[in-house]
Amino acid sequence: MTYDNQVKNRLKRIEGQVRGVLKMMDEQKDCKEVVAQLSAIRSAVDRAIAVVVSTNLEHCIRKDIETGSLESEKLIQEAVELLVKSR
């Protein structure tokens, strides 16, 4: 599977958020502000994981359809397990 620019851009934004939090810490910003930003980062990572899993699932199901394989249910179960584990 190749990762598209959508996923890479999400991760670059997350990277920028992390740098921002480090800067906030260097500037001795209030704990609530830092925690709020860390929570935003966690949400962004969760969304990135969902995009990666759903894109991979779509790719695998399309491949199954092309090859005539009937493993779609197994693929869906694996995708759900990945999402659950990421929580």
C-alpha atoms as a PDB file:
ATOM      1  CA  MET A   1       0.000   0.000   0.000  1.00  0.00           C
ATOM      2  CA  THR A   2       1.227   3.475  -0.764  1.00  0.00           C
ATOM      3  CA  TYR A   3       0.460   6.317   1.589  1.00  0.00           C
ATOM      4  CA  ASP A   4      -1.082   9.294  -0.093  1.00  0.00           C
ATOM      5  CA  ASN A   5      -0.382  12.954   0.527  1.00  0.00           C
ATOM      6  CA  GLN A   6      -3.502  13.280   2.680  1.00  0.00           C
ATOM      7  CA  VAL A   7      -1.994  11.058   5.372  1.00  0.00           C
ATOM      8  CA  LYS A   8       1.455  12.602   5.078  1.00  0.00           C
ATOM      9  CA  ASN A   9       0.015  16.114   5.380  1.00  0.00           C
ATOM     10  CA  ARG A  10      -1.922  15.120   8.493  1.00  0.00           C
ATOM     11  CA  LEU A  11       1.273  13.808  10.065  1.00  0.00           C
ATOM     12  CA  LYS A  12       3.192  16.955   9.150  1.00  0.00           C
ATOM     13  CA  ARG A  13       0.503  19.042  10.872  1.00  0.00           C
ATOM     14  CA  ILE A  14       0.762  16.795  13.930  1.00  0.00           C
ATOM     15  CA  GLU A  15       4.528  17.243  13.886  1.00  0.00           C
ATOM     16  CA  GLY A  16       3.995  21.009  13.889  1.00  0.00           C
ATOM     17  CA  GLN A  17       1.591  20.707  16.814  1.00  0.00           C
ATOM     18  CA  VAL A  18       4.175  18.732  18.802  1.00  0.00           C
ATOM     19  CA  ARG A  19       6.805  21.385  18.109  1.00  0.00           C
ATOM     20  CA  GLY A  20       4.298  23.971  19.283  1.00  0.00           C
ATOM     21  CA  VAL A  21       3.758  22.129  22.562  1.00  0.00           C
ATOM     22  CA  LEU A  22       7.505  21.883  23.133  1.00  0.00           C
ATOM     23  CA  LYS A  23       7.748  25.629  22.573  1.00  0.00           C
ATOM     24  CA  MET A  24       4.875  26.194  24.999  1.00  0.00           C
ATOM     25  CA  MET A  25       6.743  24.140  27.601  1.00  0.00           C
ATOM     26  CA  ASP A  26       9.927  26.141  27.023  1.00  0.00           C
ATOM     27  CA  GLU A  27       7.873  29.307  27.548  1.00  0.00           C
ATOM     28  CA  GLN A  28       6.415  27.863  30.774  1.00  0.00           C
ATOM     29  CA  LYS A  29       2.830  28.103  29.511  1.00  0.00           C
ATOM     30  CA  ASP A  30      -0.023  27.115  31.788  1.00  0.00           C
ATOM     31  CA  CYS A  31      -0.614  23.396  32.319  1.00  0.00           C
ATOM     32  CA  LYS A  32      -4.189  23.644  31.012  1.00  0.00           C
ATOM     33  CA  GLU A  33      -3.004  25.136  27.725  1.00  0.00           C
ATOM     34  CA  VAL A  34      -0.372  22.415  27.256  1.00  0.00           C
ATOM     35  CA  VAL A  35      -2.837  19.647  28.072  1.00  0.00           C
ATOM     36  CA  ALA A  36      -5.397  21.120  25.674  1.00  0.00           C
ATOM     37  CA  GLN A  37      -2.831  21.057  22.869  1.00  0.00           C
ATOM     38  CA  LEU A  38      -1.732  17.523  23.741  1.00  0.00           C
ATOM     39  CA  SER A  39      -5.367  16.445  23.633  1.00  0.00           C
ATOM     40  CA  ALA A  40      -5.704  18.033  20.189  1.00  0.00           C
ATOM     41  CA  ILE A  41      -2.620  16.108  19.064  1.00  0.00           C
ATOM     42  CA  ARG A  42      -4.104  12.860  20.352  1.00  0.00           C
ATOM     43  CA  SER A  43      -7.307  13.523  18.410  1.00  0.00           C
ATOM     44  CA  ALA A  44      -5.328  14.308  15.268  1.00  0.00           C
ATOM     45  CA  VAL A  45      -3.347  11.070  15.631  1.00  0.00           C
ATOM     46  CA  ASP A  46      -6.582   9.114  16.093  1.00  0.00           C
ATOM     47  CA  ARG A  47      -7.953  10.633  12.887  1.00  0.00           C
ATOM     48  CA  ALA A  48      -4.725   9.821  11.042  1.00  0.00           C
ATOM     49  CA  ILE A  49      -4.931   6.214  12.201  1.00  0.00           C
ATOM     50  CA  ALA A  50      -8.528   6.016  10.981  1.00  0.00           C
ATOM     51  CA  VAL A  51      -7.516   7.364   7.565  1.00  0.00           C
ATOM     52  CA  VAL A  52      -4.645   4.869   7.261  1.00  0.00           C
ATOM     53  CA  VAL A  53      -6.825   1.925   8.283  1.00  0.00           C
ATOM     54  CA  SER A  54      -9.770   2.896   6.080  1.00  0.00           C
ATOM     55  CA  THR A  55      -7.546   3.561   3.064  1.00  0.00           C
ATOM     56  CA  ASN A  56      -5.835   0.216   3.531  1.00  0.00           C
ATOM     57  CA  LEU A  57      -9.171  -1.544   3.937  1.00  0.00           C
ATOM     58  CA  GLU A  58     -10.491   0.031   0.742  1.00  0.00           C
ATOM     59  CA  HIS A  59      -7.323  -1.017  -1.117  1.00  0.00           C
ATOM     60  CA  CYS A  60      -7.564  -4.604   0.145  1.00  0.00           C
ATOM     61  CA  ILE A  61     -11.265  -4.957  -0.661  1.00  0.00           C
ATOM     62  CA  ARG A  62     -10.744  -3.583  -4.177  1.00  0.00           C
ATOM     63  CA  LYS A  63      -7.921  -6.095  -4.623  1.00  0.00           C
ATOM     64  CA  ASP A  64     -10.204  -8.889  -3.371  1.00  0.00           C
ATOM     65  CA  ILE A  65     -12.899  -7.889  -5.848  1.00  0.00           C
ATOM     66  CA  GLU A  66     -10.394  -7.869  -8.713  1.00  0.00           C
ATOM     67  CA  THR A  67      -9.011 -11.298  -7.815  1.00  0.00           C
ATOM     68  CA  GLY A  68     -12.380 -12.814  -6.932  1.00  0.00           C
ATOM     69  CA  SER A  69     -11.262 -13.596  -3.390  1.00  0.00           C
ATOM     70  CA  LEU A  70     -13.912 -13.779  -0.689  1.00  0.00           C
ATOM     71  CA  GLU A  71     -11.868 -12.574   2.275  1.00  0.00           C
ATOM     72  CA  SER A  72     -13.576  -9.190   2.666  1.00  0.00           C
ATOM     73  CA  GLU A  73     -15.175 -10.116   5.983  1.00  0.00           C
ATOM     74  CA  LYS A  74     -11.784 -11.119   7.380  1.00  0.00           C
ATOM     75  CA  LEU A  75     -10.259  -7.842   6.151  1.00  0.00           C
ATOM     76  CA  ILE A  76     -13.023  -5.814   7.772  1.00  0.00           C
ATOM     77  CA  GLN A  77     -12.514  -7.660  11.060  1.00  0.00           C
ATOM     78  CA  GLU A  78      -8.761  -6.968  10.937  1.00  0.00           C
ATOM     79  CA  ALA A  79      -9.436  -3.268  10.284  1.00  0.00           C
ATOM     80  CA  VAL A  80     -11.815  -3.093  13.244  1.00  0.00           C
ATOM     81  CA  GLU A  81      -9.239  -4.790  15.463  1.00  0.00           C
ATOM     82  CA  LEU A  82      -6.585  -2.265  14.365  1.00  0.00           C
ATOM     83  CA  LEU A  83      -8.889   0.606  15.264  1.00  0.00           C
ATOM     84  CA  VAL A  84      -9.727  -0.924  18.640  1.00  0.00           C
ATOM     85  CA  LYS A  85      -6.048  -1.521  19.443  1.00  0.00           C
ATOM     86  CA  SER A  86      -5.195   2.073  18.567  1.00  0.00           C
ATOM     87  CA  ARG A  87      -7.487   3.364  21.294  1.00  0.00           C
END
